[in-house]
Protein backbone atom coordinates (compact mmCIF):
# COMPACT_ATOMS: atom_id res chain seq x y z
CA MET A 1 -5.38 -60.69 65.09
CA ARG A 2 -4.59 -63.88 65.58
CA ALA A 3 -4.82 -67.12 63.29
CA CYS A 4 -8.06 -68.75 63.73
CA GLN A 5 -7.11 -72.61 64.17
CA CYS A 6 -8.29 -75.04 66.15
CA ASP A 7 -7.88 -79.01 66.01
CA PRO A 8 -8.38 -80.55 62.45
CA GLN A 9 -10.49 -83.54 63.42
CA ILE A 10 -13.85 -80.60 65.08
CA GLU A 11 -16.38 -80.41 62.64
CA ILE A 12 -19.86 -77.97 62.59
CA ASN A 13 -23.14 -78.96 61.66
CA GLY A 14 -24.00 -77.65 57.57
CA GLN A 15 -27.15 -75.13 59.60
CA GLN A 16 -23.91 -72.81 60.91
CA ALA A 17 -22.26 -72.81 57.98
CA LEU A 18 -24.79 -71.87 56.03
CA ALA A 19 -24.47 -68.82 58.55
CA PHE A 20 -21.43 -67.93 57.50
CA VAL A 21 -22.24 -68.02 53.54
CA SER A 22 -25.74 -66.03 54.02
CA HIS A 23 -23.69 -63.70 55.74
CA MET A 24 -20.29 -62.71 54.07
CA ASN A 25 -20.61 -60.55 50.96
CA VAL A 26 -20.46 -64.13 49.25
CA ALA A 27 -19.80 -62.19 44.97
CA THR A 28 -15.96 -61.31 47.20
CA MET A 29 -15.30 -64.51 49.18
CA ARG A 30 -16.08 -66.89 45.96
CA PRO A 31 -12.90 -67.88 45.36
CA ALA A 32 -12.08 -68.41 48.99
CA LEU A 33 -15.15 -70.68 49.00
CA GLU A 34 -13.70 -72.98 45.56
CA ARG A 35 -9.99 -72.89 46.90
CA HIS A 36 -12.00 -74.27 49.97
CA HIS A 37 -15.27 -76.17 48.30
CA LEU A 38 -17.17 -74.54 50.81
CA THR A 39 -19.70 -73.19 47.75
CA SER A 40 -22.91 -75.74 48.59
CA VAL A 41 -23.14 -76.18 52.03
CA ASP A 42 -26.04 -78.97 53.13
CA PRO A 43 -27.82 -78.40 56.57
CA MET A 44 -27.23 -81.46 57.38
CA GLN A 45 -24.14 -82.41 56.93
CA TRP A 46 -20.53 -81.81 58.60
CA TYR A 47 -17.95 -79.88 57.80
CA PRO A 48 -14.25 -80.04 58.48
CA LEU A 49 -14.12 -76.18 61.32
CA GLN A 50 -10.84 -75.41 59.80
CA THR A 51 -12.08 -75.03 56.82
CA TRP A 52 -13.77 -72.58 57.64
CA LEU A 53 -11.78 -70.73 59.85
CA ASP A 54 -9.18 -70.70 57.01
CA VAL A 55 -12.14 -69.03 55.16
CA LEU A 56 -12.33 -66.43 58.10
CA ASN A 57 -8.26 -65.69 58.52
CA GLU A 58 -8.98 -64.80 54.23
CA MET A 59 -11.95 -62.92 55.50
CA ALA A 60 -9.00 -60.81 57.93
CA LYS A 61 -7.40 -59.12 55.24
CA ARG A 62 -10.87 -56.86 53.81
CA GLN A 63 -10.59 -53.80 55.40
CA SER A 64 -14.74 -54.88 56.64
CA ALA A 65 -13.44 -57.96 58.20
CA SER A 66 -14.52 -56.91 62.21
CA LEU A 67 -18.50 -56.17 60.29
CA ASP A 68 -18.51 -58.94 58.30
CA TYR A 69 -17.47 -60.55 61.39
CA VAL A 70 -20.44 -59.44 64.08
CA ALA A 71 -22.68 -59.78 61.65
CA MET A 72 -21.90 -63.84 61.04
CA GLY A 73 -22.14 -64.28 64.41
CA THR A 74 -25.50 -62.46 64.70
CA ALA A 75 -26.95 -64.58 62.02
CA MET A 76 -25.93 -67.70 63.43
CA ALA A 77 -27.08 -66.92 66.78
CA GLN A 78 -30.57 -65.75 65.26
CA MET A 79 -30.85 -69.33 62.56
CA VAL A 80 -29.02 -71.70 65.06
CA TRP A 81 -31.87 -75.04 66.30
CA LEU A 82 -32.92 -74.70 69.54
CA PRO A 83 -35.68 -77.06 71.39
CA GLY A 84 -39.06 -75.60 72.51
CA THR A 85 -38.40 -75.27 75.67
CA THR A 86 -35.57 -73.15 75.37
CA ALA A 87 -36.66 -70.87 72.81
CA ARG A 88 -39.05 -69.83 75.98
CA LEU A 89 -36.69 -68.59 77.69
CA SER A 90 -35.98 -64.97 79.76
CA LEU A 91 -32.55 -64.07 77.84
CA GLU A 92 -30.59 -64.21 81.27
CA THR A 93 -32.34 -68.27 81.76
CA PHE A 94 -30.90 -68.23 78.80
CA PHE A 95 -27.16 -67.68 78.32
CA LEU A 96 -26.93 -69.10 82.05
CA THR A 97 -28.58 -72.52 81.70
CA ALA A 98 -28.67 -73.45 77.37
CA LEU A 99 -25.89 -71.03 75.98
CA SER A 100 -22.24 -73.53 76.56
CA GLN A 101 -25.00 -76.06 76.00
CA VAL A 102 -25.71 -74.70 72.71
CA TYR A 103 -22.18 -73.63 71.71
CA ARG A 104 -21.27 -77.20 71.90
CA THR A 105 -23.90 -78.88 70.10
CA GLN A 106 -22.72 -77.24 66.73
CA TYR A 107 -19.20 -79.52 67.11
CA ARG A 108 -18.58 -82.80 67.16
CA ASN A 109 -14.56 -84.53 67.61
CA GLY A 110 -13.35 -82.43 69.85
CA ASP A 111 -13.37 -78.75 71.53
CA ALA A 112 -14.48 -76.56 69.90
CA GLY A 113 -14.43 -73.86 72.92
CA SER A 114 -16.49 -72.65 75.18
CA LEU A 115 -18.75 -69.55 76.55
CA GLU A 116 -19.44 -69.36 80.15
CA VAL A 117 -21.63 -67.43 81.45
CA VAL A 118 -22.18 -65.15 84.92
CA ARG A 119 -24.00 -62.74 86.36
CA SER A 120 -22.65 -59.45 87.12
CA GLY A 121 -25.91 -57.69 88.29
CA THR A 122 -29.27 -57.27 87.34
CA ARG A 123 -29.13 -57.31 83.28
CA ARG A 124 -25.58 -57.74 83.35
CA LEU A 125 -24.39 -60.32 82.54
CA ARG A 126 -19.93 -61.62 81.84
CA VAL A 127 -19.81 -64.22 79.36
CA LYS A 128 -16.04 -65.47 79.29
CA THR A 129 -15.56 -66.94 75.64
CA ARG A 130 -12.90 -69.79 74.54
CA THR A 131 -13.45 -70.79 70.96
CA PRO A 132 -11.22 -70.21 67.67
CA TYR A 133 -13.12 -67.68 66.14
CA PRO A 134 -12.40 -64.35 66.23
CA ASP A 135 -13.76 -61.81 68.79
CA ASP A 136 -16.24 -59.92 66.01
CA LEU A 137 -18.09 -63.65 65.74
CA ILE A 138 -18.42 -64.11 68.66
CA TYR A 139 -19.74 -60.62 69.80
CA GLY A 140 -21.65 -61.14 67.24
CA LEU A 141 -22.53 -64.41 68.29
CA VAL A 142 -23.54 -62.63 71.97
CA TYR A 143 -25.10 -60.34 70.67
CA GLY A 144 -27.55 -62.04 68.28
CA PHE A 145 -28.90 -64.38 71.19
CA ALA A 146 -29.76 -61.05 72.92
CA LEU A 147 -31.47 -59.89 70.41
CA ARG A 148 -33.57 -62.76 70.05
CA PHE A 149 -34.22 -63.66 73.59
CA LEU A 150 -35.32 -60.10 74.70
CA PRO A 151 -38.26 -58.39 73.71
CA ALA A 152 -38.53 -56.08 70.27
CA GLY A 153 -37.26 -52.22 71.40
CA THR A 154 -35.22 -53.78 74.40
CA PRO A 155 -32.40 -51.41 75.37
CA ILE A 156 -29.26 -53.45 74.91
CA THR A 157 -25.01 -53.26 75.44
CA VAL A 158 -22.49 -56.03 74.15
CA GLU A 159 -18.70 -54.82 74.84
CA TYR A 160 -15.54 -56.16 76.00
CA GLU A 161 -13.92 -55.86 79.05
CA ALA A 162 -11.72 -53.36 78.63
CA SER A 163 -9.52 -54.00 81.58
CA LEU A 164 -8.55 -57.65 80.27
CA LEU A 165 -6.22 -58.92 77.17
CA ARG A 166 -8.58 -60.09 74.09
CA ARG A 167 -7.83 -63.46 72.61
CA ASP A 168 -7.47 -61.15 69.26
CA GLN A 169 -5.02 -59.47 70.85
CA GLY A 170 -2.79 -62.14 72.73
CA GLY A 171 -4.72 -63.65 75.84
CA ASN A 172 -6.74 -67.04 76.31
CA SER A 173 -9.98 -66.02 76.29
CA THR A 174 -12.23 -62.89 75.48
CA THR A 175 -14.79 -60.82 77.72
CA LEU A 176 -17.65 -59.60 76.88
CA ILE A 177 -20.44 -57.65 79.00
CA VAL A 178 -24.06 -57.74 77.88
CA ALA A 179 -26.33 -56.20 79.49
CA TRP A 180 -29.97 -54.78 79.04
CA ASP A 181 -32.94 -52.61 80.46
């Protein structure tokens, strides 16, 4: 996995930062959180994104990093505040019209990347991501939004586009395929 990096001016809102802390093995990661002064997170404050990326970079050394990243991304999707009308959209409408904007509103002072979505069939979407995060964290984010916007029990699959080089493998972006019944 390549190191997670971004423009040092970019900040993430505290609510999203809390998802990192609430879904990582805090006991194991406490030294990294302390080194980066992230032991107390205020949901109303903004934090340097690179500081959080530095913690994710340290997590990459752990055997459970992939699963931890997926859990974090899923939590971020569940925790992000959405305006009333957005929260009631269908999965397809949310992904096609609001996902990119929701992602961008979590950051300020620079380009934290993008998520571009296109329909690729009935109940099938392609999500092209260009973010500073590990691929597995974005996988979890996409999966988490699918869980949030689909009726409970709906079968969901999220897969990496196998024919494309992922960001973690040296590519410029990562593409995920989301499908549901």
